[in-house]
Amino acid sequence: MQETLRGIVLRTVKYGDSSVIIDLFTLSRGRQSFMASVQRTKRTVRSMSFWQPLSMVEFSADLRPNSGKLPRPSEVRAYYNYVDMPFSPVKSTIALFLAEFLSAALREEKDNASLYHYIESSLQWLDMVQSPASIANFHLAFLMHLSRFLGIYPNLEVLPPWGDMRGAFYFDLLAGTYCDRQPSHPHFLRQAEARALPTLFRMNYPTMHLFRLSRSERQRILHVLNEYYRLHIPNFPELKSLEVLRELYS
């Protein structure tokens, strides 16, 4: 029985001489893998454009178990066509990083409509936004708020008896919360950075152009966010595109 699906392409891996395996995060089924033909004809060359990372596609597929074979998509179409992202070197670099990051972060993700719509609307925002300051901070805002949909949003509430923030305190990245004693492990932020977290996490797409961050500050925030995800998502790998993104803002 054919089912109509919407999905965002996470990655495409060549399989043999004439096929690719496509990993998508779908609206109704979570992460799914499919097999598609890539024989060099005019029709299939055009169809390969559907499977570029972060493409938003709608298609039909039979998801019933079929002798262990991956389902093959049919009647594929793009339901959103990027306007600016493919032609902007900065946006394309950010998109490359986001695709690899999401492929790692959503490895075991089941259906989650709220998460899907967050990713979908975020990518469309990046595609359309023109403010250089907004573009520069986009990946930071995206990663901070993505954590909420994955259930690992940090506890940024400062509670008594040290809630006045005048004494020594730390932010424990492993526990995801504040503490008044230095953790016994190396994954923590000291007072100056810990104090800035609540303000930083208020950054969102409409306001991110107001956060005037230096290159070193932006790189430090990215480093901390990447470390936080690696601590909270099992087997989160080192990302090859992370260095490319760092070079973009070096």
Protein backbone atom coordinates (compact mmCIF):
# COMPACT_ATOMS: atom_id res chain seq x y z
CA MET A 1 0.00 0.00 0.00
CA GLN A 2 1.46 3.32 -1.07
CA GLU A 3 1.77 6.10 1.49
CA THR A 4 2.34 9.78 0.78
CA LEU A 5 5.20 11.23 2.82
CA ARG A 6 6.85 14.57 3.37
CA GLY A 7 10.49 14.61 4.36
CA ILE A 8 13.67 16.63 4.72
CA VAL A 9 16.77 14.99 3.25
CA LEU A 10 19.52 14.45 5.81
CA ARG A 11 22.13 12.70 3.69
CA THR A 12 22.62 10.68 0.51
CA VAL A 13 25.10 7.80 0.24
CA LYS A 14 26.11 6.15 -3.02
CA TYR A 15 25.21 2.45 -3.20
CA GLY A 16 26.74 0.56 -6.09
CA ASP A 17 26.94 2.07 -9.54
CA SER A 18 23.30 2.95 -10.05
CA SER A 19 21.67 3.58 -6.67
CA VAL A 20 21.81 5.83 -3.62
CA ILE A 21 20.56 5.37 -0.08
CA ILE A 22 18.70 8.43 1.15
CA ASP A 23 18.14 9.21 4.82
CA LEU A 24 15.20 11.53 5.47
CA PHE A 25 13.47 12.92 8.50
CA THR A 26 9.81 12.53 7.63
CA LEU A 27 6.82 14.29 9.08
CA SER A 28 4.77 11.19 9.88
CA ARG A 29 7.37 8.43 10.24
CA GLY A 30 10.44 10.06 11.75
CA ARG A 31 13.78 9.06 10.30
CA GLN A 32 13.54 6.67 7.37
CA SER A 33 15.91 5.31 4.72
CA PHE A 34 15.04 4.78 1.06
CA MET A 35 16.74 3.48 -2.08
CA ALA A 36 16.66 5.44 -5.34
CA SER A 37 18.06 4.82 -8.80
CA VAL A 38 20.67 7.19 -10.23
CA GLN A 39 21.20 5.82 -13.72
CA ARG A 40 22.50 8.60 -15.94
CA THR A 41 19.46 9.61 -17.94
CA LYS A 42 17.95 13.08 -18.27
CA ARG A 43 15.13 12.06 -15.98
CA THR A 44 17.30 10.64 -13.19
CA VAL A 45 19.85 13.48 -13.37
CA ARG A 46 16.98 15.84 -12.70
CA SER A 47 15.62 13.58 -9.96
CA MET A 48 18.98 13.65 -8.14
CA SER A 49 18.33 17.30 -7.34
CA PHE A 50 15.51 16.11 -5.08
CA TRP A 51 17.98 14.25 -2.87
CA GLN A 52 20.37 17.07 -2.05
CA PRO A 53 20.84 17.54 1.72
CA LEU A 54 18.02 19.58 3.31
CA SER A 55 15.78 19.28 0.25
CA MET A 56 12.09 19.26 1.21
CA VAL A 57 10.30 16.59 -0.76
CA GLU A 58 6.94 14.87 -1.01
CA PHE A 59 6.71 11.37 -2.45
CA SER A 60 4.96 8.02 -2.34
CA ALA A 61 6.44 4.83 -0.92
CA ASP A 62 5.40 1.41 0.32
CA LEU A 63 6.69 1.18 3.88
CA ARG A 64 5.52 -2.34 4.60
CA PRO A 65 8.35 -4.84 5.27
CA ASN A 66 9.47 -6.22 1.93
CA SER A 67 12.08 -8.95 2.28
CA GLY A 68 14.42 -6.60 4.08
CA LYS A 69 14.71 -4.27 1.11
CA LEU A 70 14.65 -0.51 1.48
CA PRO A 71 11.50 1.12 0.06
CA ARG A 72 11.80 3.06 -3.18
CA PRO A 73 10.21 6.52 -3.45
CA SER A 74 8.04 7.40 -6.43
CA GLU A 75 6.18 10.46 -7.70
CA VAL A 76 8.80 12.67 -6.07
CA ARG A 77 8.42 16.43 -6.06
CA ALA A 78 9.93 19.31 -4.12
CA TYR A 79 7.26 20.95 -1.98
CA TYR A 80 9.57 23.87 -1.18
CA ASN A 81 12.17 25.26 -3.60
CA TYR A 82 15.02 27.22 -2.03
CA VAL A 83 15.35 30.72 -3.43
CA ASP A 84 18.68 32.01 -2.11
CA MET A 85 20.41 29.27 -0.14
CA PRO A 86 21.94 27.38 -3.12
CA PHE A 87 23.47 30.60 -4.48
CA SER A 88 24.83 32.08 -1.24
CA PRO A 89 28.26 30.74 -0.19
CA VAL A 90 27.61 31.66 3.45
CA LYS A 91 24.14 30.11 3.59
CA SER A 92 25.35 27.03 1.71
CA THR A 93 28.14 26.51 4.24
CA ILE A 94 25.69 26.83 7.13
CA ALA A 95 23.33 24.40 5.37
CA LEU A 96 26.17 21.88 4.92
CA PHE A 97 26.83 22.02 8.66
CA LEU A 98 23.15 21.78 9.59
CA ALA A 99 22.62 18.75 7.36
CA GLU A 100 25.49 16.86 8.98
CA PHE A 101 24.46 17.99 12.45
CA LEU A 102 20.84 16.90 11.98
CA SER A 103 21.91 13.57 10.48
CA ALA A 104 23.83 12.89 13.69
CA ALA A 105 21.29 14.34 16.13
CA LEU A 106 18.24 12.63 14.59
CA ARG A 107 19.80 9.21 14.22
CA GLU A 108 17.11 7.44 16.25
CA GLU A 109 14.36 10.06 16.10
CA LYS A 110 10.77 8.83 15.76
CA ASP A 111 7.87 10.83 14.37
CA ASN A 112 7.81 14.28 15.94
CA ALA A 113 5.65 16.80 14.09
CA SER A 114 6.73 19.74 16.25
CA LEU A 115 10.40 18.99 15.59
CA TYR A 116 9.76 18.56 11.86
CA HIS A 117 7.95 21.88 11.57
CA TYR A 118 10.70 23.61 13.58
CA ILE A 119 13.38 22.36 11.18
CA GLU A 120 11.23 23.12 8.14
CA SER A 121 10.38 26.69 9.15
CA SER A 122 13.96 27.35 10.30
CA LEU A 123 15.42 26.36 6.93
CA GLN A 124 12.87 28.48 5.11
CA TRP A 125 13.78 31.41 7.39
CA LEU A 126 17.48 30.98 6.56
CA ASP A 127 16.65 30.82 2.87
CA MET A 128 14.79 34.13 2.94
CA VAL A 129 16.63 36.23 5.54
CA GLN A 130 19.01 38.88 4.19
CA SER A 131 20.47 40.53 7.31
CA PRO A 132 24.20 39.62 7.59
CA ALA A 133 23.97 39.70 11.40
CA SER A 134 21.01 37.32 11.37
CA ILE A 135 22.74 34.93 8.98
CA ALA A 136 25.90 34.94 11.12
CA ASN A 137 23.97 33.97 14.26
CA PHE A 138 21.46 31.63 12.64
CA HIS A 139 23.21 28.33 13.39
CA LEU A 140 23.63 29.32 17.05
CA ALA A 141 19.94 30.16 17.51
CA PHE A 142 18.96 27.02 15.62
CA LEU A 143 21.06 24.70 17.80
CA MET A 144 19.98 26.33 21.05
CA HIS A 145 16.28 25.91 20.37
CA LEU A 146 16.64 22.52 18.68
CA SER A 147 17.63 21.15 22.09
CA ARG A 148 14.12 21.83 23.39
CA PHE A 149 12.54 19.61 20.72
CA LEU A 150 15.03 16.84 21.47
CA GLY A 151 14.28 16.96 25.21
CA ILE A 152 17.73 18.18 26.27
CA TYR A 153 17.07 21.90 26.75
CA PRO A 154 19.29 23.13 29.63
CA ASN A 155 17.82 24.23 32.95
CA LEU A 156 18.71 27.92 33.05
CA GLU A 157 16.71 28.84 36.13
CA VAL A 158 18.86 30.21 38.96
CA LEU A 159 17.36 29.22 42.30
CA PRO A 160 18.12 30.18 45.97
CA PRO A 161 20.20 30.09 48.06
CA TRP A 162 22.71 31.28 45.48
CA GLY A 163 20.22 32.69 43.02
CA ASP A 164 21.48 36.26 43.52
CA MET A 165 24.47 35.17 41.36
CA ARG A 166 26.93 37.05 43.59
CA GLY A 167 28.72 33.95 44.86
CA ALA A 168 30.83 31.48 42.89
CA PHE A 169 28.79 29.28 40.56
CA TYR A 170 29.18 27.15 37.48
CA PHE A 171 27.08 25.67 34.71
CA ASP A 172 27.42 21.90 34.53
CA LEU A 173 27.14 20.92 30.86
CA LEU A 174 26.78 17.25 31.70
CA ALA A 175 23.92 17.80 34.15
CA GLY A 176 22.49 20.67 32.09
CA THR A 177 22.02 22.95 35.06
CA TYR A 178 23.71 25.43 37.44
CA CYS A 179 25.67 24.37 40.50
CA ASP A 180 27.47 26.19 43.30
CA ARG A 181 30.51 23.90 43.32
CA GLN A 182 32.97 23.13 40.56
CA PRO A 183 32.02 19.79 38.97
CA SER A 184 34.46 16.91 39.25
CA HIS A 185 34.52 16.53 35.46
CA PRO A 186 35.85 19.02 32.86
CA HIS A 187 32.51 19.77 31.16
CA PHE A 188 31.40 23.00 32.77
CA LEU A 189 31.35 26.77 32.32
CA ARG A 190 32.79 29.19 34.82
CA GLN A 191 30.89 32.16 36.22
CA ALA A 192 31.38 34.70 33.41
CA GLU A 193 30.11 32.34 30.70
CA ALA A 194 27.52 30.74 32.97
CA ARG A 195 26.06 34.16 33.73
CA ALA A 196 25.59 34.90 30.01
CA LEU A 197 23.60 31.75 29.20
CA PRO A 198 20.06 32.96 30.06
CA THR A 199 20.49 36.05 27.89
CA LEU A 200 22.07 34.08 25.07
CA PHE A 201 19.28 31.50 25.01
CA ARG A 202 16.75 34.28 24.53
CA MET A 203 18.17 34.74 21.05
CA ASN A 204 15.63 33.77 18.39
CA TYR A 205 15.22 34.40 14.68
CA PRO A 206 13.46 37.80 14.95
CA THR A 207 16.02 39.08 17.51
CA MET A 208 19.28 37.38 16.54
CA HIS A 209 20.44 40.40 14.51
CA LEU A 210 20.58 42.34 17.80
CA PHE A 211 23.28 40.05 19.25
CA ARG A 212 26.51 41.69 18.14
CA LEU A 213 28.97 38.86 18.70
CA SER A 214 32.65 38.90 17.81
CA ARG A 215 34.10 36.07 15.75
CA SER A 216 35.82 34.59 18.80
CA GLU A 217 32.58 34.77 20.83
CA ARG A 218 30.64 33.09 18.04
CA GLN A 219 33.20 30.31 17.75
CA ARG A 220 33.23 29.78 21.51
CA ILE A 221 29.43 29.51 21.63
CA LEU A 222 29.48 27.01 18.77
CA HIS A 223 32.14 24.96 20.57
CA VAL A 224 30.09 24.85 23.78
CA LEU A 225 26.86 23.94 21.95
CA ASN A 226 28.61 21.17 20.03
CA GLU A 227 30.09 19.83 23.27
CA TYR A 228 26.66 19.96 24.94
CA TYR A 229 25.09 17.86 22.17
CA ARG A 230 27.95 15.36 22.26
CA LEU A 231 27.39 14.92 25.99
CA HIS A 232 23.64 14.40 25.70
CA ILE A 233 23.17 12.44 22.47
CA PRO A 234 24.71 8.93 22.50
CA ASN A 235 27.44 8.29 19.94
CA PHE A 236 27.30 11.83 18.59
CA PRO A 237 30.25 11.96 16.16
CA GLU A 238 32.84 14.57 15.38
CA LEU A 239 31.45 16.64 12.54
CA LYS A 240 33.59 17.16 9.44
CA SER A 241 31.70 20.32 8.48
CA LEU A 242 32.33 21.94 11.87
CA GLU A 243 35.81 23.02 10.81
CA VAL A 244 34.44 24.42 7.54
CA LEU A 245 31.96 26.52 9.51
CA ARG A 246 34.71 27.71 11.84
CA GLU A 247 36.77 28.77 8.84
CA LEU A 248 33.80 30.75 7.55
CA TYR A 249 33.85 32.92 10.67
CA SER A 250 37.61 32.98 11.26
